[in-house]
Amino acid sequence: MPSEPSQRVEDKLFYNRYLVDSGRAHIKVRPHTTPSSRLLSMLKACPARCYELNDKGHVEVTVDGCLECGTCRVICEESGDIKWSYPRGGYGVLFKFG
């Protein structure tokens, strides 16, 4: 049986779309002067790479492109580093495949 050609995860994620709910982000990072280790782990753990370090050394989140997978919720919500909720109906990720 012939194998299917391999495809990178980034290439597959390209097909998903995200309907932005302007001004109503479903994830918010709590204000911090020094990010916690859990919050810093999101720079690598988020599969959509929504978390980044700004020029002041603070972790920021950009929800455009969020997969709503819950990784950040599992890692950070209990510690209070983020506030997470589902996007309003009709907004958020629109999966093309699966």
N, C-alpha and C. Protein backbone atom coordinates (compact mmCIF):
# COMPACT_ATOMS: atom_id res chain seq x y z
N MET A 1 0.84 -1.17 0.00
CA MET A 1 0.00 0.00 0.00
C MET A 1 0.90 1.25 0.00
N PRO A 2 0.70 2.17 -0.94
CA PRO A 2 1.55 3.37 -1.00
C PRO A 2 1.24 4.29 0.18
N SER A 3 2.28 4.91 0.71
CA SER A 3 2.07 5.85 1.82
C SER A 3 1.71 7.22 1.27
N GLU A 4 0.96 7.96 2.08
CA GLU A 4 0.57 9.31 1.68
C GLU A 4 1.75 10.24 1.86
N PRO A 5 1.86 11.27 1.03
CA PRO A 5 2.97 12.21 1.20
C PRO A 5 2.83 12.91 2.56
N SER A 6 3.96 13.15 3.21
CA SER A 6 3.91 13.79 4.52
C SER A 6 3.62 15.28 4.35
N GLN A 7 3.01 15.83 5.35
CA GLN A 7 2.67 17.25 5.34
C GLN A 7 2.94 17.81 6.73
N ARG A 8 3.50 18.98 6.80
CA ARG A 8 3.80 19.62 8.08
C ARG A 8 2.51 20.08 8.76
N VAL A 9 2.54 20.10 10.09
CA VAL A 9 1.38 20.55 10.86
C VAL A 9 1.02 21.98 10.47
N GLU A 10 2.02 22.82 10.29
CA GLU A 10 1.77 24.22 9.93
C GLU A 10 0.99 24.32 8.61
N ASP A 11 1.31 23.43 7.67
CA ASP A 11 0.60 23.43 6.39
C ASP A 11 -0.87 23.04 6.57
N LYS A 12 -1.13 22.10 7.46
CA LYS A 12 -2.51 21.68 7.72
C LYS A 12 -3.28 22.77 8.46
N LEU A 13 -2.62 23.43 9.40
CA LEU A 13 -3.28 24.49 10.16
C LEU A 13 -3.65 25.68 9.28
N PHE A 14 -2.93 25.84 8.18
CA PHE A 14 -3.21 26.95 7.26
C PHE A 14 -4.65 26.93 6.76
N TYR A 15 -5.22 25.74 6.65
CA TYR A 15 -6.58 25.62 6.11
C TYR A 15 -7.67 26.05 7.09
N ASN A 16 -7.34 26.08 8.38
CA ASN A 16 -8.31 26.55 9.37
C ASN A 16 -8.47 28.05 9.27
N ARG A 17 -9.61 28.53 9.64
CA ARG A 17 -9.86 29.97 9.66
C ARG A 17 -10.31 30.36 11.06
N TYR A 18 -10.12 31.62 11.38
CA TYR A 18 -10.51 32.12 12.69
C TYR A 18 -11.34 33.37 12.48
N LEU A 19 -12.56 33.35 13.00
CA LEU A 19 -13.43 34.51 12.92
C LEU A 19 -13.24 35.32 14.19
N VAL A 20 -12.60 36.48 14.05
CA VAL A 20 -12.23 37.31 15.19
C VAL A 20 -13.46 38.04 15.73
N ASP A 21 -13.62 37.99 17.03
CA ASP A 21 -14.67 38.73 17.74
C ASP A 21 -13.99 39.98 18.31
N SER A 22 -13.95 41.03 17.53
CA SER A 22 -13.20 42.24 17.89
C SER A 22 -13.56 42.76 19.28
N GLY A 23 -12.53 43.00 20.07
CA GLY A 23 -12.71 43.54 21.40
C GLY A 23 -13.17 42.54 22.44
N ARG A 24 -13.33 41.27 22.09
CA ARG A 24 -13.80 40.25 23.03
C ARG A 24 -12.92 39.01 22.96
N ALA A 25 -11.67 39.17 23.35
CA ALA A 25 -10.74 38.04 23.34
C ALA A 25 -11.20 36.99 24.34
N HIS A 26 -11.15 35.73 23.96
CA HIS A 26 -11.59 34.66 24.87
C HIS A 26 -10.47 34.20 25.81
N ILE A 27 -9.26 34.67 25.57
CA ILE A 27 -8.13 34.41 26.48
C ILE A 27 -7.50 35.74 26.84
N LYS A 28 -7.26 35.93 28.12
CA LYS A 28 -6.59 37.13 28.58
C LYS A 28 -5.48 36.73 29.53
N VAL A 29 -4.30 37.33 29.34
CA VAL A 29 -3.17 37.10 30.23
C VAL A 29 -3.24 38.14 31.33
N ARG A 30 -3.12 37.66 32.59
CA ARG A 30 -3.18 38.61 33.70
C ARG A 30 -1.96 39.51 33.65
N PRO A 31 -2.11 40.77 34.07
CA PRO A 31 -0.94 41.66 34.10
C PRO A 31 0.15 41.08 35.00
N HIS A 32 1.39 41.20 34.58
CA HIS A 32 2.50 40.66 35.34
C HIS A 32 3.75 41.48 35.07
N THR A 33 4.64 41.52 36.05
CA THR A 33 5.93 42.17 35.84
C THR A 33 6.97 41.15 35.38
N THR A 34 6.88 39.96 35.96
CA THR A 34 7.73 38.84 35.56
C THR A 34 6.83 37.64 35.30
N PRO A 35 6.90 37.08 34.10
CA PRO A 35 6.03 35.93 33.81
C PRO A 35 6.42 34.70 34.63
N SER A 36 5.41 33.95 35.04
CA SER A 36 5.64 32.71 35.77
C SER A 36 6.21 31.66 34.82
N SER A 37 6.74 30.60 35.38
CA SER A 37 7.29 29.52 34.55
C SER A 37 6.19 28.87 33.72
N ARG A 38 4.98 28.78 34.28
CA ARG A 38 3.86 28.20 33.52
C ARG A 38 3.52 29.07 32.32
N LEU A 39 3.50 30.37 32.54
CA LEU A 39 3.18 31.29 31.45
C LEU A 39 4.28 31.25 30.38
N LEU A 40 5.52 31.19 30.80
CA LEU A 40 6.62 31.09 29.84
C LEU A 40 6.55 29.80 29.04
N SER A 41 6.05 28.73 29.67
CA SER A 41 5.96 27.46 28.95
C SER A 41 5.00 27.55 27.77
N MET A 42 4.07 28.49 27.80
CA MET A 42 3.11 28.64 26.70
C MET A 42 3.78 29.11 25.42
N LEU A 43 4.96 29.72 25.53
CA LEU A 43 5.68 30.14 24.33
C LEU A 43 6.02 28.94 23.45
N LYS A 44 6.19 27.79 24.07
CA LYS A 44 6.50 26.56 23.32
C LYS A 44 5.33 25.59 23.26
N ALA A 45 4.46 25.60 24.27
CA ALA A 45 3.40 24.59 24.36
C ALA A 45 2.20 24.87 23.46
N CYS A 46 1.92 26.12 23.18
CA CYS A 46 0.74 26.46 22.36
C CYS A 46 0.97 25.99 20.93
N PRO A 47 0.14 25.05 20.43
CA PRO A 47 0.34 24.54 19.08
C PRO A 47 0.10 25.59 18.00
N ALA A 48 -0.68 26.61 18.30
CA ALA A 48 -0.95 27.66 17.31
C ALA A 48 0.00 28.84 17.46
N ARG A 49 0.88 28.77 18.45
CA ARG A 49 1.87 29.83 18.71
C ARG A 49 1.22 31.19 18.93
N CYS A 50 0.18 31.19 19.75
CA CYS A 50 -0.54 32.43 20.05
C CYS A 50 0.16 33.27 21.11
N TYR A 51 1.07 32.67 21.86
CA TYR A 51 1.75 33.37 22.94
C TYR A 51 3.13 33.81 22.49
N GLU A 52 3.50 35.04 22.86
CA GLU A 52 4.84 35.53 22.54
C GLU A 52 5.32 36.48 23.62
N LEU A 53 6.61 36.69 23.65
CA LEU A 53 7.24 37.58 24.61
C LEU A 53 7.41 38.94 23.95
N ASN A 54 6.92 40.00 24.59
CA ASN A 54 7.07 41.33 23.99
C ASN A 54 8.42 41.94 24.38
N ASP A 55 8.70 43.13 23.91
CA ASP A 55 10.00 43.76 24.15
C ASP A 55 10.23 44.13 25.61
N LYS A 56 9.17 44.10 26.44
CA LYS A 56 9.32 44.39 27.87
C LYS A 56 9.48 43.11 28.70
N GLY A 57 9.49 41.97 28.03
CA GLY A 57 9.65 40.70 28.73
C GLY A 57 8.35 40.14 29.29
N HIS A 58 7.22 40.67 28.81
CA HIS A 58 5.91 40.19 29.25
C HIS A 58 5.34 39.23 28.20
N VAL A 59 4.61 38.24 28.67
CA VAL A 59 3.97 37.30 27.75
C VAL A 59 2.64 37.89 27.32
N GLU A 60 2.41 37.89 26.01
CA GLU A 60 1.16 38.38 25.43
C GLU A 60 0.50 37.25 24.65
N VAL A 61 -0.81 37.37 24.48
CA VAL A 61 -1.53 36.39 23.69
C VAL A 61 -2.26 37.11 22.56
N THR A 62 -2.23 36.50 21.39
CA THR A 62 -3.00 36.97 20.24
C THR A 62 -3.92 35.81 19.88
N VAL A 63 -5.22 35.99 20.09
CA VAL A 63 -6.14 34.88 19.92
C VAL A 63 -6.49 34.58 18.48
N ASP A 64 -6.14 35.45 17.56
CA ASP A 64 -6.38 35.18 16.14
C ASP A 64 -5.59 33.93 15.77
N GLY A 65 -6.26 32.90 15.37
CA GLY A 65 -5.61 31.65 15.01
C GLY A 65 -5.61 30.62 16.12
N CYS A 66 -6.18 30.95 17.27
CA CYS A 66 -6.25 30.01 18.38
C CYS A 66 -7.06 28.78 17.96
N LEU A 67 -6.57 27.60 18.33
CA LEU A 67 -7.24 26.35 17.99
C LEU A 67 -8.26 25.93 19.04
N GLU A 68 -8.34 26.68 20.14
CA GLU A 68 -9.24 26.36 21.24
C GLU A 68 -9.01 24.94 21.75
N CYS A 69 -7.74 24.54 21.78
CA CYS A 69 -7.39 23.18 22.18
C CYS A 69 -7.40 23.00 23.70
N GLY A 70 -7.24 24.09 24.44
CA GLY A 70 -7.26 24.01 25.89
C GLY A 70 -5.90 23.82 26.53
N THR A 71 -4.83 23.79 25.76
CA THR A 71 -3.50 23.61 26.33
C THR A 71 -3.20 24.69 27.36
N CYS A 72 -3.44 25.93 27.01
CA CYS A 72 -3.16 27.03 27.94
C CYS A 72 -4.06 26.95 29.17
N ARG A 73 -5.26 26.50 28.97
CA ARG A 73 -6.20 26.35 30.09
C ARG A 73 -5.69 25.32 31.08
N VAL A 74 -5.19 24.21 30.57
CA VAL A 74 -4.67 23.15 31.44
C VAL A 74 -3.42 23.63 32.18
N ILE A 75 -2.54 24.33 31.48
CA ILE A 75 -1.26 24.72 32.07
C ILE A 75 -1.40 25.94 32.98
N CYS A 76 -2.19 26.93 32.59
CA CYS A 76 -2.13 28.23 33.28
C CYS A 76 -3.37 28.68 34.04
N GLU A 77 -4.53 28.16 33.75
CA GLU A 77 -5.74 28.74 34.34
C GLU A 77 -5.78 28.57 35.86
N GLU A 78 -5.39 27.40 36.35
CA GLU A 78 -5.45 27.15 37.79
C GLU A 78 -4.52 28.10 38.55
N SER A 79 -3.38 28.44 37.94
CA SER A 79 -2.42 29.34 38.59
C SER A 79 -2.88 30.80 38.51
N GLY A 80 -3.89 31.08 37.71
CA GLY A 80 -4.39 32.44 37.58
C GLY A 80 -3.63 33.27 36.57
N ASP A 81 -2.74 32.64 35.80
CA ASP A 81 -1.96 33.39 34.81
C ASP A 81 -2.81 33.85 33.63
N ILE A 82 -3.88 33.11 33.34
CA ILE A 82 -4.77 33.50 32.24
C ILE A 82 -6.22 33.38 32.69
N LYS A 83 -7.06 34.06 31.94
CA LYS A 83 -8.51 33.87 32.08
C LYS A 83 -8.97 33.35 30.72
N TRP A 84 -9.64 32.20 30.72
CA TRP A 84 -10.03 31.53 29.48
C TRP A 84 -11.53 31.30 29.47
N SER A 85 -12.15 31.56 28.35
CA SER A 85 -13.57 31.25 28.16
C SER A 85 -13.76 30.87 26.70
N TYR A 86 -14.87 30.26 26.40
CA TYR A 86 -15.16 29.94 25.00
C TYR A 86 -15.51 31.22 24.26
N PRO A 87 -15.16 31.31 22.97
CA PRO A 87 -15.59 32.45 22.18
C PRO A 87 -17.12 32.44 22.06
N ARG A 88 -17.69 33.60 21.81
CA ARG A 88 -19.14 33.67 21.60
C ARG A 88 -19.51 32.82 20.39
N GLY A 89 -20.74 32.38 20.37
CA GLY A 89 -21.23 31.57 19.26
C GLY A 89 -20.98 32.23 17.91
N GLY A 90 -20.48 31.45 16.98
CA GLY A 90 -20.22 31.96 15.63
C GLY A 90 -18.82 32.51 15.45
N TYR A 91 -18.08 32.68 16.55
CA TYR A 91 -16.72 33.20 16.47
C TYR A 91 -15.74 32.11 16.86
N GLY A 92 -14.49 32.35 16.55
CA GLY A 92 -13.43 31.42 16.93
C GLY A 92 -12.94 30.63 15.73
N VAL A 93 -12.38 29.47 16.02
CA VAL A 93 -11.77 28.66 14.98
C VAL A 93 -12.83 27.97 14.13
N LEU A 94 -12.57 27.91 12.85
CA LEU A 94 -13.44 27.23 11.89
C LEU A 94 -12.59 26.16 11.23
N PHE A 95 -12.74 24.92 11.65
CA PHE A 95 -11.92 23.83 11.12
C PHE A 95 -12.40 23.42 9.74
N LYS A 96 -11.47 23.32 8.81
CA LYS A 96 -11.82 22.88 7.47
C LYS A 96 -11.80 21.36 7.36
N PHE A 97 -10.83 20.74 8.03
CA PHE A 97 -10.71 19.29 7.98
C PHE A 97 -10.88 18.72 9.37
N GLY A 98 -11.81 17.81 9.55
CA GLY A 98 -11.97 17.10 10.81
C GLY A 98 -12.62 17.90 11.84
